[in-house]
Amino acid sequence: MKRMWKVISCWMLLICGMVSCAEKPHLSFEENGADTSDGYDTDDEFEVKIVSVDYLKSFYEGVPRLITEEVAIRGRVIENDFSGNFHEMLVIGDGTANIEVRAAGSEMFADYPRGSVVTAYCQGLILAADGGMVRLGAKPQDVNSQYAMEAIAAGDVAWRIRKTEDPIQEVLPDDTLTISGLSPHWLGRLVGFEEVQFIGEELGLCWAEKDTDTNRHLVDRQGDTLIVRTSRYADFVSVLLPTGSGYIEGVVEYFNGTYQLRMGNDAYAVLCAPRFQVANP
C-alpha cells in the first residue's frame, strides 16, 4: 500500500512542479485564528495561549529551555513518520515557521496525516538544539543523559498533540530554492530544488548504509552541494540513488554549520532527466 502511494506521489510531484508555489498549503497564523496583534490566541477547551511556531522558537536562547508557560502551537502536519525517514518525528508549521517535534510511537502517520491541523500543548516540554537546529521534545527522564531532549513518551502523544482538523489540501513546498539560496529562514520548511543530481562518486550507492544514518550529496549546475540525510529507519534505505537529474523536495535541516535535506519518502526525488555537466566541479 505504501509503495502504491509513492508511485502516485511521484506523478503528483511532476504535476505540482507545474503549479506555482504561491498556492501555499500551510496553515497561516491568520488561518488558525491567532491574534497577531499580541502574538497569541486562546484555546477555549484547555485555556492555554495558542502562540505562533516562530514565537515559541524565540523562547530558545542558546541553551535547552524547559517550557513552563501554558502555551500551545497550532499548525499543519508538514511531514510525519510515513516512510520512517522522520523516525519518531512530526514536522508542524503554521506559516510563521516550522518545527520538528520528537514523539515516540509507530505509524503516527495514521493519526497525524500530512496536511492535518494539530494543536501541540507545550508546557513541560523542552526546546533544544541538536547541531544548531531547534526542536521540540520531552525532557530526558535520566538526569545523567548525554542528550538534551528525548521523544515525547508514546503514552503522552495523544493528549500532547491533538488533531483538530483532517487534511483539506495537499501539502506543497513553501518555495523552490537554489542551494546557494539557503538561509536560517528555511529551517524546518518543506522546499524544492530543480536541476540537481547526485554527485558522480555516489552513483550506484543506496540511499543509506545498513543500520546507519547516511549523508548523500546533491550538486547543481553551479557546483554547489547539499547533503541529503537518510535515516537508518527509512523504508527505502536499500533503494539505489537515482542516476539522473531533476527535482527533489524535502525539509531543510541544519547540523554543525551545514544545511541538509530530509525527504518524506523517496518518491520526492524525481531525478529522471539526463545528467548535466557541472560548471565548477
C-alpha atoms as a PDB file:
ATOM      1  CA  MET A   1       0.000   0.000   0.000  1.00  0.00           C
ATOM      2  CA  LYS A   2       2.828   2.389   0.871  1.00  0.00           C
ATOM      3  CA  ARG A   3       4.650   1.652  -2.394  1.00  0.00           C
ATOM      4  CA  MET A   4       1.484   2.302  -4.424  1.00  0.00           C
ATOM      5  CA  TRP A   5       1.097   5.631  -2.629  1.00  0.00           C
ATOM      6  CA  LYS A   6       4.678   6.527  -3.516  1.00  0.00           C
ATOM      7  CA  VAL A   7       4.056   5.872  -7.215  1.00  0.00           C
ATOM      8  CA  ILE A   8       1.006   8.121  -7.078  1.00  0.00           C
ATOM      9  CA  SER A   9       3.057  10.744  -5.208  1.00  0.00           C
ATOM     10  CA  CYS A  10       5.702  10.713  -7.918  1.00  0.00           C
ATOM     11  CA  TRP A  11       3.090  11.649 -10.511  1.00  0.00           C
ATOM     12  CA  MET A  12       1.687  14.290  -8.182  1.00  0.00           C
ATOM     13  CA  LEU A  13       5.136  15.847  -7.812  1.00  0.00           C
ATOM     14  CA  LEU A  14       5.541  16.033 -11.562  1.00  0.00           C
ATOM     15  CA  ILE A  15       2.188  17.780 -11.798  1.00  0.00           C
ATOM     16  CA  CYS A  16       2.857  20.034  -8.812  1.00  0.00           C
ATOM     17  CA  GLY A  17       6.104  21.140 -10.415  1.00  0.00           C
ATOM     18  CA  MET A  18       3.976  22.948 -12.979  1.00  0.00           C
ATOM     19  CA  VAL A  19       1.910  24.671 -10.300  1.00  0.00           C
ATOM     20  CA  SER A  20       3.005  27.941  -8.771  1.00  0.00           C
ATOM     21  CA  CYS A  21       4.361  27.695  -5.250  1.00  0.00           C
ATOM     22  CA  ALA A  22       2.271  30.765  -4.454  1.00  0.00           C
ATOM     23  CA  GLU A  23      -0.513  28.333  -3.611  1.00  0.00           C
ATOM     24  CA  LYS A  24       0.707  27.839  -0.048  1.00  0.00           C
ATOM     25  CA  PRO A  25      -0.868  24.762   1.586  1.00  0.00           C
ATOM     26  CA  HIS A  26       0.385  25.539   5.062  1.00  0.00           C
ATOM     27  CA  LEU A  27      -1.811  26.837   7.829  1.00  0.00           C
ATOM     28  CA  SER A  28      -1.014  30.507   8.139  1.00  0.00           C
ATOM     29  CA  PHE A  29      -1.010  32.235  11.503  1.00  0.00           C
ATOM     30  CA  GLU A  30      -4.075  34.170  10.394  1.00  0.00           C
ATOM     31  CA  GLU A  31      -5.877  30.959   9.362  1.00  0.00           C
ATOM     32  CA  ASN A  32      -5.592  29.409  12.799  1.00  0.00           C
ATOM     33  CA  GLY A  33      -7.424  32.296  14.425  1.00  0.00           C
ATOM     34  CA  ALA A  34      -4.465  33.632  16.343  1.00  0.00           C
ATOM     35  CA  ASP A  35      -4.469  37.317  17.197  1.00  0.00           C
ATOM     36  CA  THR A  36      -1.284  38.632  15.619  1.00  0.00           C
ATOM     37  CA  SER A  37      -1.577  41.969  17.427  1.00  0.00           C
ATOM     38  CA  ASP A  38      -0.481  40.475  20.738  1.00  0.00           C
ATOM     39  CA  GLY A  39       1.052  37.243  19.459  1.00  0.00           C
ATOM     40  CA  TYR A  40      -1.426  34.681  20.771  1.00  0.00           C
ATOM     41  CA  ASP A  41      -4.963  33.363  20.820  1.00  0.00           C
ATOM     42  CA  THR A  42      -6.637  31.221  23.491  1.00  0.00           C
ATOM     43  CA  ASP A  43      -7.572  27.554  23.374  1.00  0.00           C
ATOM     44  CA  ASP A  44     -11.009  27.652  24.988  1.00  0.00           C
ATOM     45  CA  GLU A  45     -11.064  23.947  25.875  1.00  0.00           C
ATOM     46  CA  PHE A  46      -7.822  23.938  27.860  1.00  0.00           C
ATOM     47  CA  GLU A  47      -7.436  27.662  28.491  1.00  0.00           C
ATOM     48  CA  VAL A  48      -3.908  27.885  27.137  1.00  0.00           C
ATOM     49  CA  LYS A  49      -2.410  30.501  24.849  1.00  0.00           C
ATOM     50  CA  ILE A  50      -2.019  29.498  21.203  1.00  0.00           C
ATOM     51  CA  VAL A  51       1.225  31.089  20.061  1.00  0.00           C
ATOM     52  CA  SER A  52       2.907  31.001  16.682  1.00  0.00           C
ATOM     53  CA  VAL A  53       5.643  28.475  15.979  1.00  0.00           C
ATOM     54  CA  ASP A  54       8.035  31.342  15.372  1.00  0.00           C
ATOM     55  CA  TYR A  55       7.169  32.860  18.758  1.00  0.00           C
ATOM     56  CA  LEU A  56       7.644  29.510  20.501  1.00  0.00           C
ATOM     57  CA  LYS A  57      11.066  29.056  18.904  1.00  0.00           C
ATOM     58  CA  SER A  58      12.052  32.500  20.194  1.00  0.00           C
ATOM     59  CA  PHE A  59      11.969  31.041  23.725  1.00  0.00           C
ATOM     60  CA  TYR A  60      15.204  29.230  22.893  1.00  0.00           C
ATOM     61  CA  GLU A  61      18.225  31.379  23.684  1.00  0.00           C
ATOM     62  CA  GLY A  62      21.162  29.082  23.105  1.00  0.00           C
ATOM     63  CA  VAL A  63      20.623  26.557  25.905  1.00  0.00           C
ATOM     64  CA  PRO A  64      17.875  23.937  26.438  1.00  0.00           C
ATOM     65  CA  ARG A  65      14.690  25.690  27.569  1.00  0.00           C
ATOM     66  CA  LEU A  66      12.009  23.949  29.627  1.00  0.00           C
ATOM     67  CA  ILE A  67       8.654  25.464  28.700  1.00  0.00           C
ATOM     68  CA  THR A  68       6.875  26.463  31.902  1.00  0.00           C
ATOM     69  CA  GLU A  69       4.330  28.755  30.245  1.00  0.00           C
ATOM     70  CA  GLU A  70       0.842  27.451  29.470  1.00  0.00           C
ATOM     71  CA  VAL A  71       1.180  27.695  25.700  1.00  0.00           C
ATOM     72  CA  ALA A  72       0.384  25.596  22.653  1.00  0.00           C
ATOM     73  CA  ILE A  73       1.089  25.807  18.940  1.00  0.00           C
ATOM     74  CA  ARG A  74      -1.432  25.051  16.220  1.00  0.00           C
ATOM     75  CA  GLY A  75      -0.300  24.178  12.722  1.00  0.00           C
ATOM     76  CA  ARG A  76      -0.445  21.794   9.828  1.00  0.00           C
ATOM     77  CA  VAL A  77       1.469  18.498   9.725  1.00  0.00           C
ATOM     78  CA  ILE A  78       4.110  19.008   7.052  1.00  0.00           C
ATOM     79  CA  GLU A  79       5.825  15.629   7.476  1.00  0.00           C
ATOM     80  CA  ASN A  80       5.337  12.511   9.574  1.00  0.00           C
ATOM     81  CA  ASP A  81       6.844   9.051  10.011  1.00  0.00           C
ATOM     82  CA  PHE A  82       5.181   7.518   6.924  1.00  0.00           C
ATOM     83  CA  SER A  83       8.407   6.221   5.378  1.00  0.00           C
ATOM     84  CA  GLY A  84      10.418   6.066   8.595  1.00  0.00           C
ATOM     85  CA  ASN A  85      12.787   8.800   7.431  1.00  0.00           C
ATOM     86  CA  PHE A  86      11.266  11.139  10.028  1.00  0.00           C
ATOM     87  CA  HIS A  87      11.546   8.445  12.671  1.00  0.00           C
ATOM     88  CA  GLU A  88       9.590   9.339  15.829  1.00  0.00           C
ATOM     89  CA  MET A  89       9.067  12.825  14.471  1.00  0.00           C
ATOM     90  CA  LEU A  90       6.380  15.184  13.204  1.00  0.00           C
ATOM     91  CA  VAL A  91       7.061  18.457  11.403  1.00  0.00           C
ATOM     92  CA  ILE A  92       4.475  21.113  12.275  1.00  0.00           C
ATOM     93  CA  GLY A  93       4.160  24.513  10.598  1.00  0.00           C
ATOM     94  CA  ASP A  94       1.774  27.439  10.822  1.00  0.00           C
ATOM     95  CA  GLY A  95       3.100  29.832   8.188  1.00  0.00           C
ATOM     96  CA  THR A  96       5.349  31.757  10.583  1.00  0.00           C
ATOM     97  CA  ALA A  97       7.835  28.883  10.932  1.00  0.00           C
ATOM     98  CA  ASN A  98       8.042  25.096  11.109  1.00  0.00           C
ATOM     99  CA  ILE A  99       9.401  22.933  13.913  1.00  0.00           C
ATOM    100  CA  GLU A 100      10.334  19.278  14.210  1.00  0.00           C
ATOM    101  CA  VAL A 101       8.627  17.626  17.172  1.00  0.00           C
ATOM    102  CA  ARG A 102      10.127  14.446  18.581  1.00  0.00           C
ATOM    103  CA  ALA A 103       7.379  11.978  19.543  1.00  0.00           C
ATOM    104  CA  ALA A 104       7.612   8.247  20.252  1.00  0.00           C
ATOM    105  CA  GLY A 105       5.308   5.761  18.600  1.00  0.00           C
ATOM    106  CA  SER A 106       4.929   3.853  15.363  1.00  0.00           C
ATOM    107  CA  GLU A 107       2.733   4.704  12.374  1.00  0.00           C
ATOM    108  CA  MET A 108       1.888   8.162  13.663  1.00  0.00           C
ATOM    109  CA  PHE A 109       1.067   8.994  10.065  1.00  0.00           C
ATOM    110  CA  ALA A 110      -2.256   7.194  10.566  1.00  0.00           C
ATOM    111  CA  ASP A 111      -3.259   9.582  13.372  1.00  0.00           C
ATOM    112  CA  TYR A 112      -1.484  12.665  12.007  1.00  0.00           C
ATOM    113  CA  PRO A 113      -1.590  12.557   8.196  1.00  0.00           C
ATOM    114  CA  ARG A 114       0.178  15.213   6.154  1.00  0.00           C
ATOM    115  CA  GLY A 115      -1.981  18.311   5.891  1.00  0.00           C
ATOM    116  CA  SER A 116      -3.981  17.700   9.061  1.00  0.00           C
ATOM    117  CA  VAL A 117      -4.193  20.501  11.623  1.00  0.00           C
ATOM    118  CA  VAL A 118      -2.919  19.710  15.100  1.00  0.00           C
ATOM    119  CA  THR A 119      -2.594  21.522  18.404  1.00  0.00           C
ATOM    120  CA  ALA A 120       0.547  20.695  20.384  1.00  0.00           C
ATOM    121  CA  TYR A 121       0.484  21.505  24.106  1.00  0.00           C
ATOM    122  CA  CYS A 122       3.955  22.628  25.071  1.00  0.00           C
ATOM    123  CA  GLN A 123       4.019  23.211  28.833  1.00  0.00           C
ATOM    124  CA  GLY A 124       6.503  20.769  30.349  1.00  0.00           C
ATOM    125  CA  LEU A 125       8.252  20.092  27.033  1.00  0.00           C
ATOM    126  CA  ILE A 126      11.712  21.308  26.138  1.00  0.00           C
ATOM    127  CA  LEU A 127      13.256  23.287  23.297  1.00  0.00           C
ATOM    128  CA  ALA A 128      16.785  22.219  22.461  1.00  0.00           C
ATOM    129  CA  ALA A 129      19.154  22.441  19.507  1.00  0.00           C
ATOM    130  CA  ASP A 130      20.797  19.386  18.012  1.00  0.00           C
ATOM    131  CA  GLY A 131      23.738  20.603  15.982  1.00  0.00           C
ATOM    132  CA  GLY A 132      22.198  24.069  15.818  1.00  0.00           C
ATOM    133  CA  MET A 133      18.615  23.261  14.790  1.00  0.00           C
ATOM    134  CA  VAL A 134      15.913  23.899  17.402  1.00  0.00           C
ATOM    135  CA  ARG A 135      13.458  21.080  18.001  1.00  0.00           C
ATOM    136  CA  LEU A 136      10.630  20.425  20.473  1.00  0.00           C
ATOM    137  CA  GLY A 137      10.528  17.300  22.627  1.00  0.00           C
ATOM    138  CA  ALA A 138      10.466  15.892  26.129  1.00  0.00           C
ATOM    139  CA  LYS A 139      12.873  16.480  28.979  1.00  0.00           C
ATOM    140  CA  PRO A 140      15.105  13.401  29.455  1.00  0.00           C
ATOM    141  CA  GLN A 141      13.974  11.145  32.282  1.00  0.00           C
ATOM    142  CA  ASP A 142      17.558  10.228  33.086  1.00  0.00           C
ATOM    143  CA  VAL A 143      19.262  13.227  34.699  1.00  0.00           C
ATOM    144  CA  ASN A 144      22.607  11.833  33.507  1.00  0.00           C
ATOM    145  CA  SER A 145      21.505  11.582  29.888  1.00  0.00           C
ATOM    146  CA  GLN A 146      24.003  12.907  27.358  1.00  0.00           C
ATOM    147  CA  TYR A 147      21.080  14.217  25.319  1.00  0.00           C
ATOM    148  CA  ALA A 148      19.222  17.458  25.994  1.00  0.00           C
ATOM    149  CA  MET A 149      15.954  16.057  24.644  1.00  0.00           C
ATOM    150  CA  GLU A 150      14.121  12.810  24.095  1.00  0.00           C
ATOM    151  CA  ALA A 151      10.935  11.862  22.294  1.00  0.00           C
ATOM    152  CA  ILE A 152       7.590  12.585  23.910  1.00  0.00           C
ATOM    153  CA  ALA A 153       6.509   9.298  25.516  1.00  0.00           C
ATOM    154  CA  ALA A 154       4.172   7.208  23.349  1.00  0.00           C
ATOM    155  CA  GLY A 155       1.528   7.274  26.073  1.00  0.00           C
ATOM    156  CA  ASP A 156       1.568  11.084  26.125  1.00  0.00           C
ATOM    157  CA  VAL A 157       1.446  11.764  22.396  1.00  0.00           C
ATOM    158  CA  ALA A 158      -2.352  11.539  22.063  1.00  0.00           C
ATOM    159  CA  TRP A 159      -3.016  14.323  24.571  1.00  0.00           C
ATOM    160  CA  ARG A 160       0.108  16.343  23.839  1.00  0.00           C
ATOM    161  CA  ILE A 161      -0.659  16.504  20.112  1.00  0.00           C
ATOM    162  CA  ARG A 162      -4.378  16.637  19.260  1.00  0.00           C
ATOM    163  CA  LYS A 163      -5.628  16.534  15.692  1.00  0.00           C
ATOM    164  CA  THR A 164      -8.216  19.283  15.267  1.00  0.00           C
ATOM    165  CA  GLU A 165      -8.820  19.072  11.521  1.00  0.00           C
ATOM    166  CA  ASP A 166      -8.430  16.421   8.832  1.00  0.00           C
ATOM    167  CA  PRO A 167      -6.342  17.208   5.743  1.00  0.00           C
ATOM    168  CA  ILE A 168      -8.144  19.548   3.398  1.00  0.00           C
ATOM    169  CA  GLN A 169      -5.414  20.026   0.795  1.00  0.00           C
ATOM    170  CA  GLU A 170      -2.155  18.583  -0.444  1.00  0.00           C
ATOM    171  CA  VAL A 171       0.976  19.806   1.301  1.00  0.00           C
ATOM    172  CA  LEU A 172       3.132  21.650  -1.224  1.00  0.00           C
ATOM    173  CA  PRO A 173       6.618  23.107  -0.727  1.00  0.00           C
ATOM    174  CA  ASP A 174       6.947  26.661   0.534  1.00  0.00           C
ATOM    175  CA  ASP A 175       9.167  27.537  -2.399  1.00  0.00           C
ATOM    176  CA  THR A 176      11.667  26.260  -4.936  1.00  0.00           C
ATOM    177  CA  LEU A 177      15.200  27.305  -3.977  1.00  0.00           C
ATOM    178  CA  THR A 178      18.758  27.184  -5.166  1.00  0.00           C
ATOM    179  CA  ILE A 179      21.316  25.544  -2.922  1.00  0.00           C
ATOM    180  CA  SER A 180      23.162  28.842  -2.560  1.00  0.00           C
ATOM    181  CA  GLY A 181      19.884  30.496  -1.515  1.00  0.00           C
ATOM    182  CA  LEU A 182      19.519  28.520   1.708  1.00  0.00           C
ATOM    183  CA  SER A 183      19.358  30.556   4.919  1.00  0.00           C
ATOM    184  CA  PRO A 184      18.112  30.078   8.521  1.00  0.00           C
ATOM    185  CA  HIS A 185      14.665  31.258   7.391  1.00  0.00           C
ATOM    186  CA  TRP A 186      14.140  27.909   5.650  1.00  0.00           C
ATOM    187  CA  LEU A 187      14.954  25.642   8.595  1.00  0.00           C
ATOM    188  CA  GLY A 188      12.173  23.101   9.105  1.00  0.00           C
ATOM    189  CA  ARG A 189      10.382  24.188   5.933  1.00  0.00           C
ATOM    190  CA  LEU A 190       9.435  21.975   3.004  1.00  0.00           C
ATOM    191  CA  VAL A 191      11.199  23.214  -0.129  1.00  0.00           C
ATOM    192  CA  GLY A 192      12.068  22.002  -3.615  1.00  0.00           C
ATOM    193  CA  PHE A 193      15.241  22.132  -5.721  1.00  0.00           C
ATOM    194  CA  GLU A 194      15.345  21.936  -9.507  1.00  0.00           C
ATOM    195  CA  GLU A 195      18.200  20.915 -11.818  1.00  0.00           C
ATOM    196  CA  VAL A 196      20.097  18.898  -9.245  1.00  0.00           C
ATOM    197  CA  GLN A 197      21.684  15.447  -9.319  1.00  0.00           C
ATOM    198  CA  PHE A 198      23.678  13.209  -7.010  1.00  0.00           C
ATOM    199  CA  ILE A 199      27.435  13.525  -7.330  1.00  0.00           C
ATOM    200  CA  GLY A 200      29.102  11.018  -9.631  1.00  0.00           C
ATOM    201  CA  GLU A 201      31.075   9.374  -6.827  1.00  0.00           C
ATOM    202  CA  GLU A 202      27.839   8.208  -5.199  1.00  0.00           C
ATOM    203  CA  LEU A 203      26.149   6.689  -8.253  1.00  0.00           C
ATOM    204  CA  GLY A 204      25.500   3.009  -7.658  1.00  0.00           C
ATOM    205  CA  LEU A 205      25.079   3.527  -3.907  1.00  0.00           C
ATOM    206  CA  CYS A 206      21.873   3.151  -1.907  1.00  0.00           C
ATOM    207  CA  TRP A 207      20.159   5.956  -0.022  1.00  0.00           C
ATOM    208  CA  ALA A 208      21.753   4.780   3.230  1.00  0.00           C
ATOM    209  CA  GLU A 209      24.244   2.286   4.552  1.00  0.00           C
ATOM    210  CA  LYS A 210      22.870  -0.595   6.593  1.00  0.00           C
ATOM    211  CA  ASP A 211      21.920   0.373  10.168  1.00  0.00           C
ATOM    212  CA  THR A 212      23.471   3.829   9.809  1.00  0.00           C
ATOM    213  CA  ASP A 213      22.039   7.288   9.206  1.00  0.00           C
ATOM    214  CA  THR A 214      23.737   8.348   5.984  1.00  0.00           C
ATOM    215  CA  ASN A 215      24.614  11.512   4.085  1.00  0.00           C
ATOM    216  CA  ARG A 216      24.495  11.642   0.292  1.00  0.00           C
ATOM    217  CA  HIS A 217      25.263  14.739  -1.760  1.00  0.00           C
ATOM    218  CA  LEU A 218      23.342  16.667  -4.375  1.00  0.00           C
ATOM    219  CA  VAL A 219      25.056  19.050  -6.749  1.00  0.00           C
ATOM    220  CA  ASP A 220      23.605  21.740  -9.013  1.00  0.00           C
ATOM    221  CA  ARG A 221      24.891  23.204 -12.276  1.00  0.00           C
ATOM    222  CA  GLN A 222      26.932  25.821 -10.399  1.00  0.00           C
ATOM    223  CA  GLY A 223      28.745  23.159  -8.401  1.00  0.00           C
ATOM    224  CA  ASP A 224      27.030  23.934  -5.083  1.00  0.00           C
ATOM    225  CA  THR A 225      26.352  20.823  -2.996  1.00  0.00           C
ATOM    226  CA  LEU A 226      23.716  19.872  -0.439  1.00  0.00           C
ATOM    227  CA  ILE A 227      23.615  16.915   1.937  1.00  0.00           C
ATOM    228  CA  VAL A 228      20.606  14.618   1.702  1.00  0.00           C
ATOM    229  CA  ARG A 229      20.194  12.888   5.066  1.00  0.00           C
ATOM    230  CA  THR A 230      18.512   9.475   5.217  1.00  0.00           C
ATOM    231  CA  SER A 231      17.615   7.716   8.459  1.00  0.00           C
ATOM    232  CA  ARG A 232      18.508   4.100   9.094  1.00  0.00           C
ATOM    233  CA  TYR A 233      14.781   3.600   9.764  1.00  0.00           C
ATOM    234  CA  ALA A 234      13.626   4.756   6.321  1.00  0.00           C
ATOM    235  CA  ASP A 235      11.929   2.051   4.281  1.00  0.00           C
ATOM    236  CA  PHE A 236      13.928   2.999   1.174  1.00  0.00           C
ATOM    237  CA  VAL A 237      17.467   2.712   2.588  1.00  0.00           C
ATOM    238  CA  SER A 238      18.347  -0.163   0.223  1.00  0.00           C
ATOM    239  CA  VAL A 239      16.986   1.563  -2.898  1.00  0.00           C
ATOM    240  CA  LEU A 240      19.657   2.789  -5.322  1.00  0.00           C
ATOM    241  CA  LEU A 241      20.095   6.535  -5.711  1.00  0.00           C
ATOM    242  CA  PRO A 242      18.528   7.984  -8.864  1.00  0.00           C
ATOM    243  CA  THR A 243      21.151   8.374 -11.576  1.00  0.00           C
ATOM    244  CA  GLY A 244      19.586  11.275 -13.472  1.00  0.00           C
ATOM    245  CA  SER A 245      18.932  14.942 -12.784  1.00  0.00           C
ATOM    246  CA  GLY A 246      15.757  16.816 -11.981  1.00  0.00           C
ATOM    247  CA  TYR A 247      13.679  17.829  -8.974  1.00  0.00           C
ATOM    248  CA  ILE A 248      13.788  16.907  -5.301  1.00  0.00           C
ATOM    249  CA  GLU A 249      11.930  18.190  -2.261  1.00  0.00           C
ATOM    250  CA  GLY A 250      12.277  17.779   1.459  1.00  0.00           C
ATOM    251  CA  VAL A 251      12.568  19.525   4.807  1.00  0.00           C
ATOM    252  CA  VAL A 252      15.595  21.749   5.357  1.00  0.00           C
ATOM    253  CA  GLU A 253      17.660  20.830   8.403  1.00  0.00           C
ATOM    254  CA  TYR A 254      20.954  22.040   9.834  1.00  0.00           C
ATOM    255  CA  PHE A 255      23.790  20.277  11.602  1.00  0.00           C
ATOM    256  CA  ASN A 256      27.066  21.785  12.790  1.00  0.00           C
ATOM    257  CA  GLY A 257      27.229  24.539  10.228  1.00  0.00           C
ATOM    258  CA  THR A 258      25.862  22.589   7.271  1.00  0.00           C
ATOM    259  CA  TYR A 259      22.410  22.603   5.687  1.00  0.00           C
ATOM    260  CA  GLN A 260      20.790  19.252   4.999  1.00  0.00           C
ATOM    261  CA  LEU A 261      17.665  17.982   3.252  1.00  0.00           C
ATOM    262  CA  ARG A 262      15.480  15.184   4.627  1.00  0.00           C
ATOM    263  CA  MET A 263      12.780  13.727   2.372  1.00  0.00           C
ATOM    264  CA  GLY A 264       9.373  12.444   3.402  1.00  0.00           C
ATOM    265  CA  ASN A 265       9.971   9.465   1.110  1.00  0.00           C
ATOM    266  CA  ASP A 266      11.991   8.590  -1.962  1.00  0.00           C
ATOM    267  CA  ALA A 267       9.130   9.430  -4.334  1.00  0.00           C
ATOM    268  CA  TYR A 268      10.038  13.080  -3.725  1.00  0.00           C
ATOM    269  CA  ALA A 269      13.234  12.647  -5.731  1.00  0.00           C
ATOM    270  CA  VAL A 270      12.138  12.914  -9.368  1.00  0.00           C
ATOM    271  CA  LEU A 271      15.566  12.729 -10.976  1.00  0.00           C
ATOM    272  CA  CYS A 272      14.701  11.310 -14.385  1.00  0.00           C
ATOM    273  CA  ALA A 273      16.311  13.757 -16.836  1.00  0.00           C
ATOM    274  CA  PRO A 274      19.786  13.264 -18.367  1.00  0.00           C
ATOM    275  CA  ARG A 275      22.721  14.242 -16.156  1.00  0.00           C
ATOM    276  CA  PHE A 276      24.279  17.649 -16.745  1.00  0.00           C
ATOM    277  CA  GLN A 277      27.816  18.971 -16.763  1.00  0.00           C
ATOM    278  CA  VAL A 278      28.704  20.765 -13.520  1.00  0.00           C
ATOM    279  CA  ALA A 279      30.274  24.181 -14.121  1.00  0.00           C
ATOM    280  CA  ASN A 280      32.690  24.118 -11.177  1.00  0.00           C
ATOM    281  CA  PRO A 281      33.079  20.522 -10.034  1.00  0.00           C
END
